[in-house]
Amino acid sequence: MVRLTPDLLLAAYAAGVFPMAESADNPELFWVDPRRRGILPLEAFHVPHKLRRVVLQGSFEIRCDTVFEEVIRGCAEATEKRPNTWINDEIMRLYAALFDRGAAHSVEAWQDGTLVGGLYGVSFGAAFFGESMFSRATDASKVALVHLAARLRIGGYRLLDTQFLTPHLARFGGVEITRARYHRLLADALTYRASFPVALPDAARGDPLAALQSSRLTS
């Protein structure tokens, strides 16, 4: 078996497929190319009213890319609602390597100096491929998702891929599209270059919602 490398992994993302494991204990990976793909349209990203208050209250300190591997481990944790995860040691190795070369990022929610939630994903061209999220405090991962969307808007991204559509993501405006349409959107996004802003500009730092309300997209 050919061992996956970061270059092969990025080539797979460019082709519209991504790897998963059957479980955290299974060392093997398999490729996934869903017939129906979940995306979060950045121009129509919706923040529920109650969550808006949480975001603006600044209940969480949001950092990016400070403890990437710890975020992956948090996403791999078994919980009551998610007793099994698809993140194994090989997944951790590969995405840590992508992070080292600037092709993966984490958005982290902190409280009192403790990591309480976050998410991570892959950045390629003007596409961001959301991988997984976790939460140890109410709304932590939701606030991280809002901050991710704000950064993607500011950075000129054109596609936020969520792989699958869940009821949770649908509340933020997530939709399900055909594989063919996804591949068209992906091909377009890969013709552009975006830049992931680790820190928000001063104008949006206290109010990331302002970035989401902007009509400006890099063209």
Protein backbone atom coordinates (compact mmCIF):
# COMPACT_ATOMS: atom_id res chain seq x y z
CA MET A 1 0.00 0.00 0.00
CA VAL A 2 1.29 3.47 -0.93
CA ARG A 3 1.49 5.67 2.15
CA LEU A 4 -0.36 8.93 1.70
CA THR A 5 1.66 12.12 1.57
CA PRO A 6 0.52 15.73 1.98
CA ASP A 7 0.89 16.26 -1.78
CA LEU A 8 -1.31 13.26 -2.57
CA LEU A 9 -3.86 14.45 -0.04
CA LEU A 10 -4.07 17.90 -1.61
CA ALA A 11 -4.38 16.34 -5.06
CA ALA A 12 -7.31 14.30 -3.75
CA TYR A 13 -9.02 17.43 -2.42
CA ALA A 14 -8.51 19.11 -5.79
CA ALA A 15 -10.25 16.11 -7.37
CA GLY A 16 -13.16 16.39 -4.93
CA VAL A 17 -12.45 13.43 -2.67
CA PHE A 18 -11.32 13.17 0.95
CA PRO A 19 -10.14 10.38 3.26
CA MET A 20 -11.84 8.86 6.29
CA ALA A 21 -11.26 5.90 8.59
CA GLU A 22 -13.86 3.39 9.71
CA SER A 23 -13.00 4.24 13.30
CA ALA A 24 -10.28 5.80 15.40
CA ASP A 25 -8.86 2.32 16.05
CA ASN A 26 -8.78 1.27 12.38
CA PRO A 27 -5.44 2.19 10.74
CA GLU A 28 -6.82 2.04 7.18
CA LEU A 29 -8.21 4.98 5.21
CA PHE A 30 -10.73 5.05 2.39
CA TRP A 31 -11.70 7.74 -0.12
CA VAL A 32 -15.09 9.45 -0.06
CA ASP A 33 -16.78 11.27 -2.95
CA PRO A 34 -20.40 11.80 -1.81
CA ARG A 35 -23.19 11.77 -4.38
CA ARG A 36 -24.73 14.66 -2.43
CA ARG A 37 -22.27 17.20 -1.00
CA GLY A 38 -22.76 19.65 1.84
CA ILE A 39 -21.57 23.23 1.48
CA LEU A 40 -22.07 26.45 3.43
CA PRO A 41 -22.54 29.34 0.95
CA LEU A 42 -20.47 32.16 2.40
CA GLU A 43 -22.64 34.85 0.83
CA ALA A 44 -25.69 33.42 2.62
CA PHE A 45 -24.13 32.32 5.92
CA HIS A 46 -26.79 32.61 8.63
CA VAL A 47 -26.11 33.21 12.32
CA PRO A 48 -29.11 32.30 14.54
CA HIS A 49 -30.33 35.18 16.68
CA LYS A 50 -29.42 33.66 20.06
CA LEU A 51 -25.94 32.80 18.81
CA ARG A 52 -25.44 36.37 17.62
CA ARG A 53 -25.73 37.52 21.22
CA VAL A 54 -23.18 34.93 22.35
CA VAL A 55 -20.73 36.02 19.63
CA LEU A 56 -21.07 39.71 20.45
CA GLN A 57 -20.79 39.11 24.21
CA GLY A 58 -17.31 37.75 23.62
CA SER A 59 -17.93 34.67 25.76
CA PHE A 60 -14.98 32.95 24.10
CA GLU A 61 -11.51 34.06 23.17
CA ILE A 62 -10.96 32.99 19.57
CA ARG A 63 -7.48 32.05 18.40
CA CYS A 64 -6.31 30.45 15.18
CA ASP A 65 -3.50 27.99 14.52
CA THR A 66 -2.07 28.00 18.05
CA VAL A 67 -2.80 24.36 19.04
CA PHE A 68 -3.72 22.68 15.75
CA GLU A 69 -2.93 19.11 16.84
CA GLU A 70 -4.80 19.57 20.09
CA VAL A 71 -7.87 20.60 18.08
CA ILE A 72 -7.64 17.41 16.01
CA ARG A 73 -7.39 15.37 19.19
CA GLY A 74 -10.45 17.16 20.53
CA CYS A 75 -12.36 16.30 17.36
CA ALA A 76 -11.27 12.67 17.73
CA GLU A 77 -12.61 12.38 21.29
CA ALA A 78 -15.47 9.96 21.86
CA THR A 79 -18.55 11.62 23.38
CA GLU A 80 -21.99 10.49 24.45
CA LYS A 81 -23.48 11.82 21.22
CA ARG A 82 -20.54 10.62 19.12
CA PRO A 83 -19.14 7.39 20.60
CA ASN A 84 -17.08 6.63 17.48
CA THR A 85 -15.10 9.00 15.28
CA TRP A 86 -13.36 8.58 11.94
CA ILE A 87 -10.14 10.33 12.99
CA ASN A 88 -7.29 7.85 13.44
CA ASP A 89 -3.55 8.28 13.91
CA GLU A 90 -2.92 8.43 10.16
CA ILE A 91 -5.45 11.26 9.78
CA MET A 92 -3.69 13.14 12.58
CA ARG A 93 -0.30 12.62 10.94
CA LEU A 94 -1.44 13.79 7.52
CA TYR A 95 -3.29 16.90 8.62
CA ALA A 96 -0.51 17.92 11.00
CA ALA A 97 1.79 17.77 7.98
CA LEU A 98 -0.62 19.95 5.99
CA PHE A 99 -0.69 22.42 8.87
CA ASP A 100 3.12 22.55 8.89
CA ARG A 101 3.08 23.68 5.27
CA GLY A 102 0.27 26.24 5.78
CA ALA A 103 -2.42 24.19 4.02
CA ALA A 104 -4.57 23.51 7.10
CA HIS A 105 -5.89 25.75 9.85
CA SER A 106 -7.64 25.58 13.19
CA VAL A 107 -10.11 27.98 14.79
CA GLU A 108 -10.08 27.62 18.55
CA ALA A 109 -12.48 28.73 21.31
CA TRP A 110 -10.85 29.38 24.68
CA GLN A 111 -12.23 30.20 28.12
CA ASP A 112 -10.02 31.13 31.07
CA GLY A 113 -6.97 29.83 29.25
CA THR A 114 -8.54 26.46 28.47
CA LEU A 115 -9.38 25.13 25.01
CA VAL A 116 -13.12 24.39 25.07
CA GLY A 117 -13.94 23.91 21.41
CA GLY A 118 -12.87 24.43 17.85
CA LEU A 119 -12.62 23.15 14.31
CA TYR A 120 -10.05 22.46 11.64
CA GLY A 121 -9.93 22.18 7.89
CA VAL A 122 -7.87 22.31 4.71
CA SER A 123 -7.20 25.41 2.64
CA PHE A 124 -6.46 25.09 -1.07
CA GLY A 125 -6.91 27.81 -3.68
CA ALA A 126 -10.02 29.74 -2.65
CA ALA A 127 -11.69 26.64 -1.15
CA PHE A 128 -11.81 25.69 2.50
CA PHE A 129 -12.64 22.09 3.33
CA GLY A 130 -14.12 21.84 6.82
CA GLU A 131 -13.11 18.58 8.46
CA SER A 132 -14.45 18.33 12.00
CA MET A 133 -15.36 20.32 15.10
CA PHE A 134 -15.74 19.68 18.80
CA SER A 135 -17.18 21.42 21.83
CA ARG A 136 -16.59 21.05 25.55
CA ALA A 137 -18.66 24.14 26.41
CA THR A 138 -22.06 25.26 25.16
CA ASP A 139 -21.82 27.11 21.81
CA ALA A 140 -18.01 26.87 21.63
CA SER A 141 -17.85 25.14 18.25
CA LYS A 142 -20.70 27.29 16.90
CA VAL A 143 -18.85 30.49 17.72
CA ALA A 144 -15.70 29.02 16.14
CA LEU A 145 -17.70 28.34 12.97
CA VAL A 146 -18.91 31.95 12.85
CA HIS A 147 -15.33 33.16 13.18
CA LEU A 148 -14.23 30.76 10.46
CA ALA A 149 -16.86 32.09 8.06
CA ALA A 150 -15.84 35.68 8.83
CA ARG A 151 -12.20 34.89 8.07
CA LEU A 152 -13.10 33.13 4.85
CA ARG A 153 -15.13 36.13 3.69
CA ILE A 154 -12.30 38.52 4.50
CA GLY A 155 -9.69 36.22 2.96
CA GLY A 156 -11.47 35.95 -0.39
CA TYR A 157 -12.59 32.32 -0.21
CA ARG A 158 -15.31 31.21 -2.60
CA LEU A 159 -16.23 27.76 -1.29
CA LEU A 160 -16.76 26.34 2.20
CA ASP A 161 -17.10 22.58 1.85
CA THR A 162 -18.71 20.76 4.80
CA GLN A 163 -18.57 17.31 3.14
CA PHE A 164 -22.02 16.31 4.40
CA LEU A 165 -25.09 18.31 5.42
CA THR A 166 -26.29 17.91 9.00
CA PRO A 167 -29.26 19.58 10.74
CA HIS A 168 -26.70 21.56 12.75
CA LEU A 169 -25.06 22.98 9.61
CA ALA A 170 -28.42 23.60 7.95
CA ARG A 171 -29.17 26.13 10.71
CA PHE A 172 -26.25 28.18 9.43
CA GLY A 173 -27.50 28.11 5.83
CA GLY A 174 -25.86 24.86 4.78
CA VAL A 175 -27.27 23.21 1.69
CA GLU A 176 -26.83 19.93 -0.14
CA ILE A 177 -25.86 19.92 -3.81
CA THR A 178 -25.15 17.28 -6.43
CA ARG A 179 -21.68 15.88 -6.93
CA ALA A 180 -21.56 17.41 -10.42
CA ARG A 181 -22.41 20.90 -9.15
CA TYR A 182 -19.90 20.57 -6.33
CA HIS A 183 -17.14 19.68 -8.78
CA ARG A 184 -18.00 22.75 -10.86
CA LEU A 185 -17.87 25.03 -7.79
CA LEU A 186 -14.63 23.41 -6.68
CA ALA A 187 -12.98 23.83 -10.08
CA ASP A 188 -13.91 27.51 -10.07
CA ALA A 189 -12.65 28.07 -6.51
CA LEU A 190 -9.31 26.46 -7.33
CA THR A 191 -8.66 29.04 -10.05
CA TYR A 192 -8.45 31.75 -7.36
CA ARG A 193 -6.04 32.32 -4.50
CA ALA A 194 -7.31 33.16 -1.02
CA SER A 195 -5.44 33.99 2.16
CA PHE A 196 -6.49 32.71 5.57
CA PRO A 197 -6.39 35.62 8.07
CA VAL A 198 -5.25 34.23 11.40
CA ALA A 199 -6.34 37.51 13.04
CA LEU A 200 -9.36 39.56 12.08
CA PRO A 201 -8.89 43.21 11.10
CA ASP A 202 -9.48 45.69 13.91
CA ALA A 203 -12.88 46.67 12.50
CA ALA A 204 -14.17 43.08 12.71
CA ARG A 205 -12.30 41.84 15.77
CA GLY A 206 -15.08 42.74 18.20
CA ASP A 207 -17.83 42.04 15.69
CA PRO A 208 -17.07 39.21 13.25
CA LEU A 209 -20.69 39.40 12.11
CA ALA A 210 -19.82 42.61 10.28
CA ALA A 211 -17.53 40.64 7.96
CA LEU A 212 -20.37 38.26 7.14
CA GLN A 213 -22.67 41.12 6.26
CA SER A 214 -20.19 42.57 3.78
CA SER A 215 -21.09 42.11 0.12
CA ARG A 216 -17.43 42.16 -0.92
CA LEU A 217 -15.95 38.98 -2.30
CA THR A 218 -12.62 38.75 -4.05
CA SER A 219 -13.15 38.39 -7.78
